[in-house]
Amino acid sequence: MEKLELFFIPSPLMGHAGQAVELARLFINHFHHLTVTVLMMKLPGDPIGTDYTDSLTGDDQIKFIHFPPMDLDLFQDCPTIGFMADAVINRHKPIIRELMVNRFNGSGSGRLGALVVDMFCTPMIDVAKEFNVPTYVFFTSNAAFLGIMFHFQTLEDEHGQDISELEHSGTELTVPSYASPVPPSVVSYVFWDKDHWSKRFIRYTRKYREAKGIIVNTFLELEHHALRSYDDKTPPVYAVGPLLKPEKPTPDNQVLEWLKGQPESSVLLLCFGSRGWLNVDQVREIAVAIERSGYGFIWSLRRAPSEEQKGFPGEYTDYNEVLPAGFLERTAGKGKVIGWVPQTEVLADVATGGFVSHCGWNSILESLWFGVPVATWPIYAEQQLDAFQMVKDLGLAVEISLDYNIRDKNQKMVSAEEIEKGIREVMDRDSEVRAKVKTMKAKSRMAREEGGSSLASLRSIVDDIISSNN
């Protein structure tokens, strides 16, 4: 069989890039007539993300083309990281088009079978059309969030609904991809903010409908309701997960060494993602709750971003400046306060018994894969909806908050009492949630095995690609 090459174009955001590489590995591990080239963009001003993407390496079947980072000064007028990522993607559009012209110009250098583009890289669909190449969108969030994007786009484009008005409707929303009515307070600001909706998310959603298919990092057993909720104007949706973002190797990591000596399910992980941070007063409430709970802990604690950091949190040089007096001394034998944490490796350790998480989709899939229950504390983006789905729709997490939003200037403090309650619930070894998470752990692994739902979806995509190229 003729070898087909796939071009993968991830967004220049760390979590998206890692998932894309894992998807590429899934393709080539199961289908030896495919090769993959990953076109890797960098986000200016994101040293951790750049370091991470540079660490991703290929093999005989996966090649990488790393584009050099663009000058941060080119993006000074971008109000958020999301808008900056979009601008970076658009600036790479002619570069990638030129690359495809040079690579596939009839010289016998290979045959491009398909483009697989990140959910934010929809401008590349136009490039694929020029070359008459099928495009598949890789949606790195979940099936339910994809559903609410389609639902709101339909309301606006076909029914003339001003989506922003729904924020203050005073009633819960009926959204086909969620089993429970959705409170407006957990709906992401990217829908309520007119700039984010009109300039970004509705544009992505319209382009999704032009794709040959949509690949989602989820699995049927987890999101069967959402995956069956789409209308007949939606391209085929393929659930191929869970795909876990590969970690950078962490040799001689002191925290991992410490963790190995702790009893099973005795340690709480607190981590709010690569862009997560909390203000000083809120940090102190967490510290009080941790100390009162008495559990062992690993806490990834990061500083609010400076103006120059464009939304990326920094590291503390001295945790005493933000933690209650004496906290580090009193908890020295019980836990570790650190900056960046090798999250996947911590969750994989049997000593980890619970996870206070921002509920990014990567983190949720990791928690389910390793059978570690989550206490929800969303921070930004679509995380409030993820938290809502996990607690209310699926019963796979406990609640600290469902609607915490760091963008809200009037955000109410989460008290030490509320945090401690969530910690005790997530660390309860006999809870119903823990039992359900253990069951979902088994299902998540079966989905990826021979005969599993996700591997069947993957085969359907490859059959479709081959059919398109015939």
Protein backbone atom coordinates (compact mmCIF):
# COMPACT_ATOMS: atom_id res chain seq x y z
CA MET A 1 0.00 0.00 0.00
CA GLU A 2 1.24 3.50 -0.88
CA LYS A 3 2.47 5.44 2.13
CA LEU A 4 0.40 8.51 2.97
CA GLU A 5 1.77 11.46 4.88
CA LEU A 6 -0.36 13.39 7.37
CA PHE A 7 0.46 16.94 8.37
CA PHE A 8 -0.43 17.72 12.00
CA ILE A 9 -0.73 21.42 12.86
CA PRO A 10 -1.13 21.94 16.63
CA SER A 11 -1.93 25.26 18.25
CA PRO A 12 1.10 26.99 19.86
CA LEU A 13 -0.31 26.18 23.33
CA MET A 14 1.49 23.57 25.43
CA GLY A 15 -1.48 21.32 26.26
CA HIS A 16 -2.67 21.33 22.65
CA ALA A 17 0.76 20.51 21.23
CA GLY A 18 1.28 17.57 23.57
CA GLN A 19 -2.10 16.03 22.74
CA ALA A 20 -1.44 16.40 19.01
CA VAL A 21 1.85 14.51 19.29
CA GLU A 22 0.13 11.73 21.25
CA LEU A 23 -2.55 11.50 18.54
CA ALA A 24 0.17 11.30 15.88
CA ARG A 25 1.79 8.42 17.78
CA LEU A 26 -1.55 6.65 17.98
CA PHE A 27 -1.94 6.85 14.19
CA ILE A 28 1.51 5.57 13.29
CA ASN A 29 1.58 2.85 15.98
CA HIS A 30 -1.53 1.23 14.51
CA PHE A 31 -1.20 2.08 10.81
CA HIS A 32 2.25 1.49 9.34
CA HIS A 33 1.33 2.86 5.90
CA LEU A 34 1.04 6.35 7.46
CA THR A 35 3.77 8.84 8.29
CA VAL A 36 3.25 12.08 10.18
CA THR A 37 4.96 15.46 10.07
CA VAL A 38 4.14 17.77 12.98
CA LEU A 39 4.42 21.50 12.24
CA MET A 40 5.26 23.09 15.58
CA MET A 41 4.60 26.78 16.19
CA LYS A 42 5.86 28.60 19.31
CA LEU A 43 4.05 31.14 21.47
CA PRO A 44 6.22 34.23 22.08
CA GLY A 45 6.87 34.98 25.76
CA ASP A 46 6.13 31.40 26.86
CA PRO A 47 9.49 29.88 27.88
CA ILE A 48 7.93 26.85 29.63
CA GLY A 49 5.77 26.04 26.59
CA THR A 50 8.67 26.53 24.18
CA ASP A 51 10.94 24.35 26.30
CA TYR A 52 8.22 21.69 26.37
CA THR A 53 7.56 21.67 22.62
CA ASP A 54 11.31 21.59 21.92
CA SER A 55 11.51 18.44 24.06
CA LEU A 56 9.04 16.57 21.82
CA THR A 57 11.04 14.36 19.47
CA GLY A 58 10.14 12.15 16.56
CA ASP A 59 11.22 8.80 15.10
CA ASP A 60 11.15 7.11 11.69
CA GLN A 61 7.41 7.61 11.35
CA ILE A 62 7.02 11.06 12.98
CA LYS A 63 9.00 14.07 11.81
CA PHE A 64 8.96 17.53 13.36
CA ILE A 65 9.32 20.91 11.73
CA HIS A 66 9.91 23.48 14.47
CA PHE A 67 9.21 27.02 13.33
CA PRO A 68 11.34 29.61 15.17
CA PRO A 69 9.49 31.75 17.74
CA MET A 70 8.25 35.07 16.42
CA ASP A 71 9.15 38.37 18.07
CA LEU A 72 6.87 39.19 21.02
CA ASP A 73 6.80 42.83 19.88
CA LEU A 74 4.71 41.78 16.86
CA PHE A 75 1.84 40.86 19.20
CA GLN A 76 1.71 43.80 21.62
CA ASP A 77 -1.85 44.66 20.58
CA CYS A 78 -3.18 41.17 21.48
CA PRO A 79 -5.31 41.55 24.64
CA THR A 80 -5.07 37.92 25.77
CA ILE A 81 -3.01 34.77 25.23
CA GLY A 82 -5.85 33.37 23.12
CA PHE A 83 -5.81 36.32 20.74
CA MET A 84 -2.01 36.08 20.58
CA ALA A 85 -2.19 32.38 19.68
CA ASP A 86 -4.65 33.22 16.89
CA ALA A 87 -2.32 35.92 15.57
CA VAL A 88 0.64 33.52 15.62
CA ILE A 89 -1.41 30.94 13.69
CA ASN A 90 -2.48 33.47 11.06
CA ARG A 91 1.11 34.66 10.57
CA HIS A 92 2.14 31.05 9.91
CA LYS A 93 -0.59 30.47 7.31
CA PRO A 94 1.46 31.69 4.29
CA ILE A 95 4.59 29.97 5.69
CA ILE A 96 2.79 26.62 5.86
CA ARG A 97 1.24 27.12 2.44
CA GLU A 98 4.71 27.74 0.97
CA LEU A 99 6.03 24.66 2.75
CA MET A 100 3.30 22.53 1.19
CA VAL A 101 4.00 23.96 -2.28
CA ASN A 102 7.68 23.05 -1.98
CA ARG A 103 7.05 19.66 -0.40
CA PHE A 104 4.29 18.36 -2.64
CA ASN A 105 4.97 19.87 -6.05
CA GLY A 106 4.73 16.68 -8.06
CA SER A 107 8.41 15.82 -7.61
CA GLY A 108 7.58 12.40 -6.17
CA SER A 109 8.62 13.44 -2.67
CA GLY A 110 5.52 11.93 -1.10
CA ARG A 111 1.77 12.15 -1.03
CA LEU A 112 -0.14 14.28 1.45
CA GLY A 113 -3.13 12.30 2.65
CA ALA A 114 -4.73 14.77 5.07
CA LEU A 115 -4.25 17.75 7.35
CA VAL A 116 -5.09 17.31 11.03
CA VAL A 117 -5.44 20.82 12.47
CA ASP A 118 -5.94 21.94 16.05
CA MET A 119 -9.32 23.35 17.10
CA PHE A 120 -7.81 26.87 16.99
CA CYS A 121 -5.92 26.37 13.68
CA THR A 122 -9.00 26.55 11.45
CA PRO A 123 -7.40 29.09 9.01
CA MET A 124 -5.36 26.11 7.78
CA ILE A 125 -8.56 24.53 6.40
CA ASP A 126 -8.39 27.11 3.60
CA VAL A 127 -4.81 26.05 2.81
CA ALA A 128 -5.87 22.40 2.62
CA LYS A 129 -8.67 23.30 0.19
CA GLU A 130 -6.12 24.87 -2.18
CA PHE A 131 -4.36 21.50 -2.35
CA ASN A 132 -7.60 19.49 -2.45
CA VAL A 133 -6.57 17.72 0.75
CA PRO A 134 -9.13 16.58 3.37
CA THR A 135 -8.92 18.32 6.75
CA TYR A 136 -9.77 16.87 10.15
CA VAL A 137 -10.11 19.13 13.16
CA PHE A 138 -8.49 17.85 16.35
CA PHE A 139 -10.65 19.11 19.21
CA THR A 140 -8.51 18.94 22.34
CA SER A 141 -11.36 19.75 24.72
CA ASN A 142 -14.33 17.46 25.31
CA ALA A 143 -17.39 16.43 23.32
CA ALA A 144 -19.79 18.36 25.55
CA PHE A 145 -17.89 21.64 25.00
CA LEU A 146 -17.86 21.01 21.25
CA GLY A 147 -21.62 20.57 21.53
CA ILE A 148 -22.21 23.88 23.28
CA MET A 149 -20.11 25.65 20.62
CA PHE A 150 -22.29 24.18 17.86
CA HIS A 151 -25.48 24.91 19.84
CA PHE A 152 -24.63 28.59 20.35
CA GLN A 153 -23.45 29.00 16.75
CA THR A 154 -26.78 27.59 15.53
CA LEU A 155 -28.72 29.90 17.85
CA GLU A 156 -26.89 32.93 16.49
CA ASP A 157 -26.60 32.06 12.79
CA GLU A 158 -29.99 30.44 12.28
CA HIS A 159 -32.18 32.06 14.94
CA GLY A 160 -30.60 35.52 15.34
CA GLN A 161 -29.94 35.02 19.07
CA ASP A 162 -27.49 37.43 20.72
CA ILE A 163 -25.60 34.84 22.75
CA SER A 164 -24.31 37.37 25.29
CA GLU A 165 -27.91 38.04 26.42
CA LEU A 166 -28.19 34.48 27.76
CA GLU A 167 -25.70 35.28 30.53
CA HIS A 168 -28.34 37.33 32.32
CA SER A 169 -31.38 35.27 31.34
CA GLY A 170 -31.95 34.20 34.95
CA THR A 171 -32.77 30.63 33.90
CA GLU A 172 -30.70 27.51 33.38
CA LEU A 173 -29.92 26.68 29.76
CA THR A 174 -30.92 23.55 27.89
CA VAL A 175 -27.86 22.49 25.88
CA PRO A 176 -28.16 19.17 23.99
CA SER A 177 -24.61 18.01 24.83
CA TYR A 178 -25.15 18.29 28.61
CA ALA A 179 -27.51 15.94 30.43
CA SER A 180 -28.31 18.50 33.15
CA PRO A 181 -29.60 22.07 32.67
CA VAL A 182 -26.58 24.40 32.54
CA PRO A 183 -26.42 27.46 34.86
CA PRO A 184 -25.14 30.56 32.99
CA SER A 185 -22.56 31.02 35.79
CA VAL A 186 -20.59 27.96 34.60
CA VAL A 187 -20.63 28.89 30.92
CA SER A 188 -17.23 30.11 29.73
CA TYR A 189 -16.63 33.84 29.30
CA VAL A 190 -15.59 33.09 25.68
CA PHE A 191 -19.33 32.90 24.90
CA TRP A 192 -20.48 35.88 26.98
CA ASP A 193 -17.66 38.23 25.98
CA LYS A 194 -18.63 39.66 22.58
CA ASP A 195 -15.03 40.03 21.40
CA HIS A 196 -14.09 36.44 22.22
CA TRP A 197 -17.30 35.07 20.71
CA SER A 198 -17.54 37.13 17.52
CA LYS A 199 -13.81 37.34 16.75
CA ARG A 200 -12.76 33.88 17.83
CA PHE A 201 -15.12 31.10 18.91
CA ILE A 202 -18.01 31.47 16.47
CA ARG A 203 -15.46 31.69 13.67
CA TYR A 204 -13.80 28.45 14.76
CA THR A 205 -17.19 26.73 14.99
CA ARG A 206 -18.29 27.77 11.51
CA LYS A 207 -15.05 26.39 10.08
CA TYR A 208 -15.50 23.07 11.92
CA ARG A 209 -18.54 22.45 9.72
CA GLU A 210 -16.26 22.60 6.65
CA ALA A 211 -14.00 19.81 7.94
CA LYS A 212 -14.13 16.20 6.74
CA GLY A 213 -14.39 15.11 10.36
CA ILE A 214 -13.75 16.18 13.96
CA ILE A 215 -11.44 14.13 16.18
CA VAL A 216 -12.15 14.58 19.90
CA ASN A 217 -9.90 13.65 22.82
CA THR A 218 -12.55 11.74 24.73
CA PHE A 219 -14.06 8.25 24.75
CA LEU A 220 -17.55 6.91 24.23
CA GLU A 221 -17.92 5.38 27.69
CA LEU A 222 -17.24 8.76 29.33
CA GLU A 223 -19.26 11.09 27.07
CA HIS A 224 -21.84 8.91 25.36
CA HIS A 225 -24.56 11.53 25.95
CA ALA A 226 -22.58 14.38 24.36
CA LEU A 227 -21.31 12.26 21.46
CA ARG A 228 -24.88 11.40 20.49
CA SER A 229 -26.19 14.96 20.76
CA TYR A 230 -24.98 16.54 17.48
CA ASP A 231 -27.29 17.56 14.65
CA ASP A 232 -27.12 16.31 11.06
CA LYS A 233 -25.18 19.40 9.93
CA THR A 234 -22.18 18.34 12.02
CA PRO A 235 -19.33 16.45 10.30
CA PRO A 236 -18.60 12.96 11.66
CA VAL A 237 -17.21 13.15 15.21
CA TYR A 238 -14.60 10.57 16.22
CA ALA A 239 -13.78 9.91 19.90
CA VAL A 240 -10.22 8.53 20.05
CA GLY A 241 -9.13 9.25 23.61
CA PRO A 242 -8.04 9.39 26.24
CA LEU A 243 -4.79 10.86 24.89
CA LEU A 244 -2.49 11.99 27.68
CA LYS A 245 -0.09 14.85 27.04
CA PRO A 246 3.46 13.45 27.15
CA GLU A 247 5.57 14.84 29.99
CA LYS A 248 9.14 16.01 29.78
CA PRO A 249 11.40 13.48 31.54
CA THR A 250 12.13 14.52 35.13
CA PRO A 251 15.24 12.62 36.26
CA ASP A 252 16.19 12.85 39.95
CA ASN A 253 13.06 14.81 40.85
CA GLN A 254 13.07 15.26 44.64
CA VAL A 255 9.29 15.50 44.91
CA LEU A 256 8.82 12.19 43.09
CA GLU A 257 11.43 10.58 45.35
CA TRP A 258 9.60 11.91 48.43
CA LEU A 259 6.28 10.64 47.07
CA LYS A 260 7.61 7.09 46.73
CA GLY A 261 7.96 6.89 50.51
CA GLN A 262 4.35 7.88 51.30
CA PRO A 263 1.49 5.46 52.10
CA GLU A 264 -0.98 4.54 49.36
CA SER A 265 -3.66 7.17 48.57
CA SER A 266 -2.38 9.46 51.35
CA VAL A 267 -1.16 12.49 49.38
CA LEU A 268 -3.23 15.34 47.91
CA LEU A 269 -2.01 17.03 44.70
CA LEU A 270 -2.97 20.70 44.22
CA CYS A 271 -2.20 22.02 40.74
CA PHE A 272 -3.96 24.69 38.68
CA GLY A 273 -2.39 24.21 35.27
CA SER A 274 0.37 25.91 33.31
CA ARG A 275 -1.50 29.24 33.40
CA GLY A 276 -3.18 28.92 36.79
CA TRP A 277 -2.51 31.19 39.75
CA LEU A 278 -4.44 32.64 42.70
CA ASN A 279 -4.11 35.88 44.66
CA VAL A 280 -2.29 36.04 47.98
CA ASP A 281 -5.40 36.07 50.19
CA GLN A 282 -6.79 33.01 48.41
CA VAL A 283 -3.44 31.20 48.71
CA ARG A 284 -3.54 31.72 52.48
CA GLU A 285 -7.05 30.22 52.70
CA ILE A 286 -5.75 27.12 50.88
CA ALA A 287 -2.81 26.86 53.26
CA VAL A 288 -5.11 26.98 56.29
CA ALA A 289 -7.34 24.27 54.76
CA ILE A 290 -4.39 22.00 53.93
CA GLU A 291 -2.98 22.29 57.42
CA ARG A 292 -6.32 21.65 59.11
CA SER A 293 -7.03 18.62 56.92
CA GLY A 294 -3.86 16.88 58.09
CA TYR A 295 -3.26 15.14 54.76
CA GLY A 296 0.06 14.90 52.99
CA PHE A 297 0.27 17.20 49.99
CA ILE A 298 2.14 18.40 46.91
CA TRP A 299 1.16 21.96 46.06
CA SER A 300 2.14 23.64 42.79
CA LEU A 301 2.11 27.30 43.83
CA ARG A 302 2.78 30.02 41.28
CA ARG A 303 2.87 33.80 41.28
CA ALA A 304 0.47 36.12 39.43
CA PRO A 305 1.83 37.08 35.99
CA SER A 306 3.66 40.37 35.59
CA GLU A 307 2.85 42.79 32.77
CA GLU A 308 5.75 41.42 30.73
CA GLN A 309 4.60 37.82 31.14
CA LYS A 310 1.40 38.34 29.14
CA GLY A 311 -0.75 36.08 31.33
CA PHE A 312 1.81 33.40 32.16
CA PRO A 313 2.34 32.96 35.92
CA GLY A 314 5.82 33.22 37.42
CA GLU A 315 7.66 31.42 40.19
CA TYR A 316 8.10 32.54 43.80
CA THR A 317 11.66 32.90 45.05
CA ASP A 318 10.46 32.61 48.68
CA TYR A 319 7.13 30.96 49.51
CA ASN A 320 7.19 32.57 52.96
CA GLU A 321 6.19 35.87 51.38
CA VAL A 322 2.77 34.47 50.48
CA LEU A 323 2.12 31.61 52.93
CA PRO A 324 0.98 32.02 56.57
CA ALA A 325 3.85 32.47 59.06
CA GLY A 326 5.36 29.13 60.02
CA PHE A 327 3.35 27.09 57.50
CA LEU A 328 6.41 25.60 55.78
CA GLU A 329 8.02 24.65 59.10
CA ARG A 330 4.85 23.10 60.52
CA THR A 331 4.18 21.03 57.39
CA ALA A 332 7.80 20.15 56.54
CA GLY A 333 7.27 16.44 57.08
CA LYS A 334 3.80 16.39 55.58
CA GLY A 335 4.11 17.98 52.21
CA LYS A 336 5.92 19.91 49.51
CA VAL A 337 5.29 23.39 48.12
CA ILE A 338 6.88 23.73 44.67
CA GLY A 339 6.52 25.67 41.41
CA TRP A 340 6.17 23.55 38.29
CA VAL A 341 5.12 19.96 39.02
CA PRO A 342 5.45 16.80 36.85
CA GLN A 343 1.70 16.28 37.12
CA THR A 344 1.30 13.04 35.17
CA GLU A 345 4.06 11.32 37.14
CA VAL A 346 2.57 12.47 40.45
CA LEU A 347 -0.91 11.22 39.47
CA ALA A 348 0.58 7.89 38.37
CA ASP A 349 2.08 7.24 41.82
CA VAL A 350 -0.05 5.04 44.09
CA ALA A 351 0.59 7.44 47.00
CA THR A 352 -1.55 10.13 45.32
CA GLY A 353 -5.11 9.90 46.63
CA GLY A 354 -6.80 13.10 45.45
CA PHE A 355 -6.36 16.04 43.11
CA VAL A 356 -7.48 19.67 43.58
CA SER A 357 -7.58 20.70 39.92
CA HIS A 358 -8.44 23.62 37.65
CA CYS A 359 -10.27 21.04 35.51
CA GLY A 360 -8.45 21.55 32.26
CA TRP A 361 -9.41 18.64 30.01
CA ASN A 362 -5.86 17.25 29.96
CA SER A 363 -5.88 17.11 33.75
CA ILE A 364 -9.30 15.46 33.92
CA LEU A 365 -8.29 12.72 31.49
CA GLU A 366 -5.08 12.13 33.44
CA SER A 367 -7.00 11.88 36.72
CA LEU A 368 -9.39 9.30 35.23
CA TRP A 369 -6.59 7.30 33.57
CA PHE A 370 -4.82 6.93 36.93
CA GLY A 371 -8.02 6.60 38.98
CA VAL A 372 -7.44 9.71 41.13
CA PRO A 373 -10.65 11.60 42.05
CA VAL A 374 -10.77 15.37 41.50
CA ALA A 375 -11.98 18.25 43.67
CA THR A 376 -13.00 20.93 41.17
CA TRP A 377 -11.62 24.47 41.22
CA PRO A 378 -11.86 25.96 37.71
CA ILE A 379 -9.84 29.09 36.91
CA TYR A 380 -10.44 30.21 33.29
CA ALA A 381 -11.40 29.15 29.72
CA GLU A 382 -13.91 26.26 29.56
CA GLN A 383 -12.89 24.82 32.93
CA GLN A 384 -16.14 25.82 34.69
CA LEU A 385 -18.10 23.71 32.20
CA ASP A 386 -15.65 20.83 32.67
CA ALA A 387 -16.13 21.03 36.44
CA PHE A 388 -19.92 21.17 36.05
CA GLN A 389 -19.94 18.14 33.76
CA MET A 390 -17.69 16.11 36.07
CA VAL A 391 -19.73 16.86 39.21
CA LYS A 392 -23.33 17.20 37.98
CA ASP A 393 -23.54 15.18 34.75
CA LEU A 394 -21.09 12.36 35.47
CA GLY A 395 -20.67 12.19 39.26
CA LEU A 396 -16.92 11.70 38.83
CA ALA A 397 -15.68 14.62 40.97
CA VAL A 398 -16.42 16.51 44.18
CA GLU A 399 -17.00 20.24 44.28
CA ILE A 400 -14.91 22.97 45.81
CA SER A 401 -16.22 25.42 43.21
CA LEU A 402 -17.95 25.13 39.85
CA ASP A 403 -17.98 28.77 38.80
CA TYR A 404 -14.76 30.30 40.17
CA ASN A 405 -13.40 32.62 37.47
CA ILE A 406 -10.14 34.49 37.83
CA ARG A 407 -11.30 37.05 35.23
CA ASP A 408 -14.20 38.13 37.46
CA LYS A 409 -13.11 41.25 39.38
CA ASN A 410 -15.89 40.53 41.90
CA GLN A 411 -14.90 36.90 42.41
CA LYS A 412 -15.83 35.79 45.92
CA MET A 413 -13.08 34.22 48.01
CA VAL A 414 -13.33 30.46 48.56
CA SER A 415 -13.08 30.04 52.32
CA ALA A 416 -10.71 27.69 54.14
CA GLU A 417 -13.79 25.84 55.44
CA GLU A 418 -15.09 25.18 51.90
CA ILE A 419 -11.65 24.07 50.73
CA GLU A 420 -11.13 21.77 53.71
CA LYS A 421 -14.54 20.18 53.11
CA GLY A 422 -13.60 19.51 49.46
CA ILE A 423 -10.22 18.07 50.48
CA ARG A 424 -11.80 15.68 52.99
CA GLU A 425 -14.39 14.54 50.42
CA VAL A 426 -11.86 13.92 47.65
CA MET A 427 -9.52 12.02 50.02
CA ASP A 428 -12.31 9.81 51.44
CA ARG A 429 -11.20 6.28 50.59
CA ASP A 430 -14.73 4.87 50.81
CA SER A 431 -16.61 7.49 48.79
CA GLU A 432 -18.97 6.73 45.90
CA VAL A 433 -17.03 9.16 43.69
CA ARG A 434 -13.77 7.26 44.26
CA ALA A 435 -15.48 3.99 43.33
CA LYS A 436 -16.92 5.53 40.13
CA VAL A 437 -13.52 6.96 39.18
CA LYS A 438 -11.90 3.53 39.60
CA THR A 439 -14.54 2.05 37.27
CA MET A 440 -13.96 4.80 34.70
CA LYS A 441 -10.21 4.20 34.93
CA ALA A 442 -10.77 0.65 33.66
CA LYS A 443 -13.11 1.86 30.90
CA SER A 444 -10.64 4.54 29.77
CA ARG A 445 -7.94 1.91 29.27
CA MET A 446 -10.26 -0.56 27.54
CA ALA A 447 -11.31 2.13 25.03
CA ARG A 448 -7.74 2.27 23.72
CA GLU A 449 -7.29 -1.52 23.49
CA GLU A 450 -8.01 -3.81 20.54
CA GLY A 451 -11.80 -4.02 20.23
CA GLY A 452 -12.24 -0.80 22.21
CA SER A 453 -14.41 2.12 21.14
CA SER A 454 -11.57 4.60 20.58
CA LEU A 455 -9.48 2.26 18.45
CA ALA A 456 -12.59 1.54 16.34
CA SER A 457 -13.01 5.31 15.83
CA LEU A 458 -9.39 5.64 14.79
CA ARG A 459 -9.84 2.91 12.19
CA SER A 460 -12.88 4.75 10.82
CA ILE A 461 -10.81 7.92 10.35
CA VAL A 462 -8.05 6.06 8.51
CA ASP A 463 -10.61 4.31 6.27
CA ASP A 464 -12.08 7.74 5.48
CA ILE A 465 -8.64 9.21 4.68
CA ILE A 466 -7.83 6.29 2.34
CA SER A 467 -11.25 6.58 0.67
CA SER A 468 -10.72 10.33 0.14
CA ASN A 469 -7.33 9.71 -1.45
CA ASN A 470 -8.69 7.09 -3.83
